[in-house]
Amino acid sequence: MANHKSARKRARQSVKRRARNRHVKSTVRSALKTARTSVAAGDKDQAPDAVRRAESLLRRAASKGVIPRKRASRLVSRLNKAANKAI
């Protein structure tokens, strides 16, 4: 347990950040799964919207430092490549 005032504050901040990061990562994973399933099913109505939403969430997560920028770019690239191939 933290004893100094600054260490207690850092502990509080890390708890908040962890909760925020977990929420963002979970949301990104859900959006990716939705996009991948709609692309795999060849759904021409839902797939573009799902891919756009997943890309938006990935880029936002990367800009906030929740996931690395290069990982986000790689995932976006692969998702768009699969979408273009399927649709």
N, C-alpha and C. Protein backbone atom coordinates (compact mmCIF):
# COMPACT_ATOMS: atom_id res chain seq x y z
N MET A 1 0.84 -1.18 0.00
CA MET A 1 0.00 0.00 0.00
C MET A 1 0.88 1.24 0.00
N ALA A 2 0.46 2.24 -0.75
CA ALA A 2 1.22 3.47 -0.86
C ALA A 2 1.14 4.28 0.43
N ASN A 3 2.26 4.86 0.82
CA ASN A 3 2.31 5.63 2.07
C ASN A 3 2.37 7.14 1.83
N HIS A 4 3.05 7.56 0.77
CA HIS A 4 3.17 8.99 0.49
C HIS A 4 1.92 9.49 -0.23
N LYS A 5 1.66 10.76 -0.04
CA LYS A 5 0.48 11.36 -0.65
C LYS A 5 0.52 11.23 -2.17
N SER A 6 1.67 11.49 -2.76
CA SER A 6 1.80 11.41 -4.22
C SER A 6 1.63 9.97 -4.70
N ALA A 7 2.13 9.01 -3.92
CA ALA A 7 2.00 7.60 -4.31
C ALA A 7 0.55 7.15 -4.22
N ARG A 8 -0.18 7.67 -3.23
CA ARG A 8 -1.61 7.33 -3.13
C ARG A 8 -2.37 7.88 -4.33
N LYS A 9 -2.00 9.10 -4.73
CA LYS A 9 -2.65 9.71 -5.89
C LYS A 9 -2.35 8.90 -7.15
N ARG A 10 -1.10 8.50 -7.31
CA ARG A 10 -0.73 7.70 -8.49
C ARG A 10 -1.51 6.38 -8.50
N ALA A 11 -1.71 5.79 -7.36
CA ALA A 11 -2.47 4.54 -7.27
C ALA A 11 -3.91 4.77 -7.70
N ARG A 12 -4.50 5.88 -7.24
CA ARG A 12 -5.88 6.20 -7.65
C ARG A 12 -5.96 6.42 -9.16
N GLN A 13 -4.99 7.13 -9.70
CA GLN A 13 -4.98 7.41 -11.13
C GLN A 13 -4.84 6.13 -11.94
N SER A 14 -3.99 5.23 -11.47
CA SER A 14 -3.77 4.00 -12.23
C SER A 14 -5.02 3.12 -12.22
N VAL A 15 -5.78 3.15 -11.13
CA VAL A 15 -7.04 2.40 -11.08
C VAL A 15 -8.02 2.95 -12.12
N LYS A 16 -8.12 4.29 -12.19
CA LYS A 16 -9.01 4.92 -13.17
C LYS A 16 -8.57 4.59 -14.59
N ARG A 17 -7.27 4.70 -14.84
CA ARG A 17 -6.76 4.45 -16.19
C ARG A 17 -6.98 3.00 -16.60
N ARG A 18 -6.77 2.09 -15.67
CA ARG A 18 -6.95 0.67 -15.97
C ARG A 18 -8.39 0.39 -16.36
N ALA A 19 -9.32 0.97 -15.62
CA ALA A 19 -10.74 0.77 -15.92
C ALA A 19 -11.07 1.35 -17.30
N ARG A 20 -10.57 2.54 -17.58
CA ARG A 20 -10.84 3.18 -18.87
C ARG A 20 -10.23 2.36 -20.01
N ASN A 21 -8.98 1.92 -19.83
CA ASN A 21 -8.31 1.15 -20.88
C ASN A 21 -9.02 -0.18 -21.13
N ARG A 22 -9.47 -0.83 -20.05
CA ARG A 22 -10.18 -2.10 -20.22
C ARG A 22 -11.47 -1.90 -21.00
N HIS A 23 -12.18 -0.83 -20.70
CA HIS A 23 -13.42 -0.54 -21.42
C HIS A 23 -13.15 -0.29 -22.90
N VAL A 24 -12.13 0.50 -23.19
CA VAL A 24 -11.81 0.82 -24.59
C VAL A 24 -11.40 -0.44 -25.33
N LYS A 25 -10.53 -1.26 -24.72
CA LYS A 25 -10.07 -2.48 -25.38
C LYS A 25 -11.23 -3.43 -25.65
N SER A 26 -12.13 -3.55 -24.69
CA SER A 26 -13.28 -4.43 -24.84
C SER A 26 -14.17 -3.95 -25.98
N THR A 27 -14.39 -2.65 -26.03
CA THR A 27 -15.23 -2.08 -27.09
C THR A 27 -14.60 -2.31 -28.46
N VAL A 28 -13.29 -2.13 -28.54
CA VAL A 28 -12.58 -2.33 -29.81
C VAL A 28 -12.69 -3.79 -30.24
N ARG A 29 -12.48 -4.72 -29.30
CA ARG A 29 -12.57 -6.14 -29.64
C ARG A 29 -13.96 -6.51 -30.14
N SER A 30 -14.99 -5.97 -29.49
CA SER A 30 -16.36 -6.25 -29.91
C SER A 30 -16.62 -5.72 -31.31
N ALA A 31 -16.16 -4.50 -31.58
CA ALA A 31 -16.37 -3.90 -32.90
C ALA A 31 -15.63 -4.69 -33.98
N LEU A 32 -14.40 -5.14 -33.65
CA LEU A 32 -13.64 -5.94 -34.60
C LEU A 32 -14.35 -7.25 -34.91
N LYS A 33 -14.87 -7.88 -33.88
CA LYS A 33 -15.56 -9.15 -34.06
C LYS A 33 -16.80 -8.95 -34.94
N THR A 34 -17.56 -7.90 -34.67
CA THR A 34 -18.75 -7.60 -35.47
C THR A 34 -18.37 -7.36 -36.93
N ALA A 35 -17.32 -6.58 -37.14
CA ALA A 35 -16.88 -6.27 -38.50
C ALA A 35 -16.42 -7.53 -39.22
N ARG A 36 -15.63 -8.34 -38.54
CA ARG A 36 -15.12 -9.57 -39.17
C ARG A 36 -16.24 -10.55 -39.53
N THR A 37 -17.21 -10.69 -38.63
CA THR A 37 -18.30 -11.63 -38.92
C THR A 37 -19.17 -11.12 -40.06
N SER A 38 -19.43 -9.81 -40.10
CA SER A 38 -20.26 -9.28 -41.19
C SER A 38 -19.51 -9.35 -42.53
N VAL A 39 -18.21 -9.17 -42.51
CA VAL A 39 -17.41 -9.29 -43.73
C VAL A 39 -17.38 -10.75 -44.19
N ALA A 40 -17.19 -11.66 -43.24
CA ALA A 40 -17.13 -13.09 -43.59
C ALA A 40 -18.47 -13.58 -44.13
N ALA A 41 -19.56 -13.01 -43.62
CA ALA A 41 -20.89 -13.40 -44.09
C ALA A 41 -21.21 -12.75 -45.43
N GLY A 42 -20.43 -11.77 -45.84
CA GLY A 42 -20.67 -11.08 -47.10
C GLY A 42 -21.87 -10.16 -47.05
N ASP A 43 -22.17 -9.65 -45.90
CA ASP A 43 -23.30 -8.76 -45.70
C ASP A 43 -22.97 -7.38 -46.26
N LYS A 44 -23.54 -7.06 -47.42
CA LYS A 44 -23.20 -5.81 -48.09
C LYS A 44 -23.82 -4.57 -47.42
N ASP A 45 -24.84 -4.79 -46.60
CA ASP A 45 -25.47 -3.66 -45.91
C ASP A 45 -24.74 -3.29 -44.63
N GLN A 46 -24.43 -4.30 -43.82
CA GLN A 46 -23.84 -4.05 -42.50
C GLN A 46 -22.32 -3.94 -42.53
N ALA A 47 -21.67 -4.65 -43.41
CA ALA A 47 -20.20 -4.74 -43.39
C ALA A 47 -19.51 -3.37 -43.49
N PRO A 48 -19.87 -2.52 -44.44
CA PRO A 48 -19.15 -1.22 -44.52
C PRO A 48 -19.29 -0.38 -43.25
N ASP A 49 -20.48 -0.38 -42.66
CA ASP A 49 -20.67 0.38 -41.43
C ASP A 49 -19.87 -0.20 -40.28
N ALA A 50 -19.87 -1.53 -40.19
CA ALA A 50 -19.13 -2.20 -39.11
C ALA A 50 -17.63 -1.97 -39.25
N VAL A 51 -17.14 -2.01 -40.48
CA VAL A 51 -15.70 -1.79 -40.73
C VAL A 51 -15.34 -0.35 -40.39
N ARG A 52 -16.20 0.59 -40.78
CA ARG A 52 -15.93 2.00 -40.49
C ARG A 52 -15.91 2.26 -39.00
N ARG A 53 -16.85 1.66 -38.28
CA ARG A 53 -16.90 1.83 -36.82
C ARG A 53 -15.67 1.23 -36.15
N ALA A 54 -15.28 0.04 -36.60
CA ALA A 54 -14.10 -0.62 -36.02
C ALA A 54 -12.85 0.21 -36.28
N GLU A 55 -12.73 0.75 -37.49
CA GLU A 55 -11.57 1.57 -37.81
C GLU A 55 -11.52 2.82 -36.92
N SER A 56 -12.67 3.44 -36.74
CA SER A 56 -12.74 4.63 -35.91
C SER A 56 -12.31 4.33 -34.47
N LEU A 57 -12.84 3.24 -33.93
CA LEU A 57 -12.50 2.88 -32.55
C LEU A 57 -11.03 2.50 -32.41
N LEU A 58 -10.49 1.79 -33.41
CA LEU A 58 -9.07 1.42 -33.37
C LEU A 58 -8.18 2.66 -33.38
N ARG A 59 -8.48 3.57 -34.27
CA ARG A 59 -7.64 4.76 -34.37
C ARG A 59 -7.74 5.62 -33.11
N ARG A 60 -8.94 5.70 -32.54
CA ARG A 60 -9.12 6.47 -31.31
C ARG A 60 -8.35 5.83 -30.16
N ALA A 61 -8.41 4.50 -30.06
CA ALA A 61 -7.69 3.80 -28.99
C ALA A 61 -6.19 4.01 -29.15
N ALA A 62 -5.71 3.99 -30.39
CA ALA A 62 -4.28 4.19 -30.64
C ALA A 62 -3.88 5.62 -30.29
N SER A 63 -4.70 6.59 -30.60
CA SER A 63 -4.35 7.97 -30.32
C SER A 63 -4.30 8.24 -28.83
N LYS A 64 -5.08 7.49 -28.05
CA LYS A 64 -5.08 7.66 -26.61
C LYS A 64 -4.01 6.80 -25.92
N GLY A 65 -3.32 5.97 -26.71
CA GLY A 65 -2.25 5.16 -26.14
C GLY A 65 -2.72 3.87 -25.51
N VAL A 66 -3.97 3.49 -25.75
CA VAL A 66 -4.48 2.24 -25.18
C VAL A 66 -3.87 1.05 -25.90
N ILE A 67 -3.74 1.15 -27.22
CA ILE A 67 -3.04 0.14 -28.00
C ILE A 67 -1.98 0.84 -28.84
N PRO A 68 -0.94 0.12 -29.25
CA PRO A 68 0.10 0.75 -30.06
C PRO A 68 -0.43 1.19 -31.43
N ARG A 69 0.10 2.30 -31.93
CA ARG A 69 -0.35 2.84 -33.21
C ARG A 69 -0.14 1.86 -34.37
N LYS A 70 0.98 1.19 -34.38
CA LYS A 70 1.26 0.28 -35.49
C LYS A 70 0.32 -0.92 -35.47
N ARG A 71 -0.05 -1.39 -34.30
CA ARG A 71 -1.01 -2.49 -34.21
C ARG A 71 -2.36 -2.06 -34.76
N ALA A 72 -2.77 -0.85 -34.40
CA ALA A 72 -4.04 -0.33 -34.90
C ALA A 72 -4.01 -0.22 -36.42
N SER A 73 -2.93 0.30 -36.97
CA SER A 73 -2.81 0.43 -38.42
C SER A 73 -2.84 -0.93 -39.10
N ARG A 74 -2.16 -1.88 -38.51
CA ARG A 74 -2.12 -3.24 -39.08
C ARG A 74 -3.51 -3.87 -39.08
N LEU A 75 -4.23 -3.72 -37.96
CA LEU A 75 -5.57 -4.29 -37.87
C LEU A 75 -6.54 -3.61 -38.85
N VAL A 76 -6.43 -2.30 -38.98
CA VAL A 76 -7.28 -1.56 -39.92
C VAL A 76 -6.98 -2.02 -41.34
N SER A 77 -5.71 -2.14 -41.65
CA SER A 77 -5.31 -2.56 -42.99
C SER A 77 -5.85 -3.95 -43.33
N ARG A 78 -5.70 -4.88 -42.41
CA ARG A 78 -6.17 -6.24 -42.65
C ARG A 78 -7.69 -6.29 -42.76
N LEU A 79 -8.36 -5.51 -41.95
CA LEU A 79 -9.82 -5.48 -41.98
C LEU A 79 -10.32 -4.91 -43.32
N ASN A 80 -9.72 -3.80 -43.76
CA ASN A 80 -10.11 -3.21 -45.04
C ASN A 80 -9.79 -4.12 -46.21
N LYS A 81 -8.66 -4.80 -46.12
CA LYS A 81 -8.27 -5.74 -47.18
C LYS A 81 -9.29 -6.87 -47.30
N ALA A 82 -9.71 -7.40 -46.16
CA ALA A 82 -10.71 -8.48 -46.15
C ALA A 82 -12.06 -7.97 -46.65
N ALA A 83 -12.41 -6.75 -46.25
CA ALA A 83 -13.70 -6.18 -46.67
C ALA A 83 -13.73 -5.95 -48.17
N ASN A 84 -12.65 -5.43 -48.71
CA ASN A 84 -12.59 -5.17 -50.15
C ASN A 84 -12.63 -6.46 -50.96
N LYS A 85 -12.03 -7.49 -50.39
CA LYS A 85 -12.01 -8.79 -51.07
C LYS A 85 -13.41 -9.43 -51.06
N ALA A 86 -14.11 -9.29 -49.94
CA ALA A 86 -15.40 -9.96 -49.76
C ALA A 86 -16.55 -9.21 -50.43
N ILE A 87 -16.47 -7.91 -50.44
CA ILE A 87 -17.63 -7.14 -50.92
C ILE A 87 -17.47 -6.69 -52.36
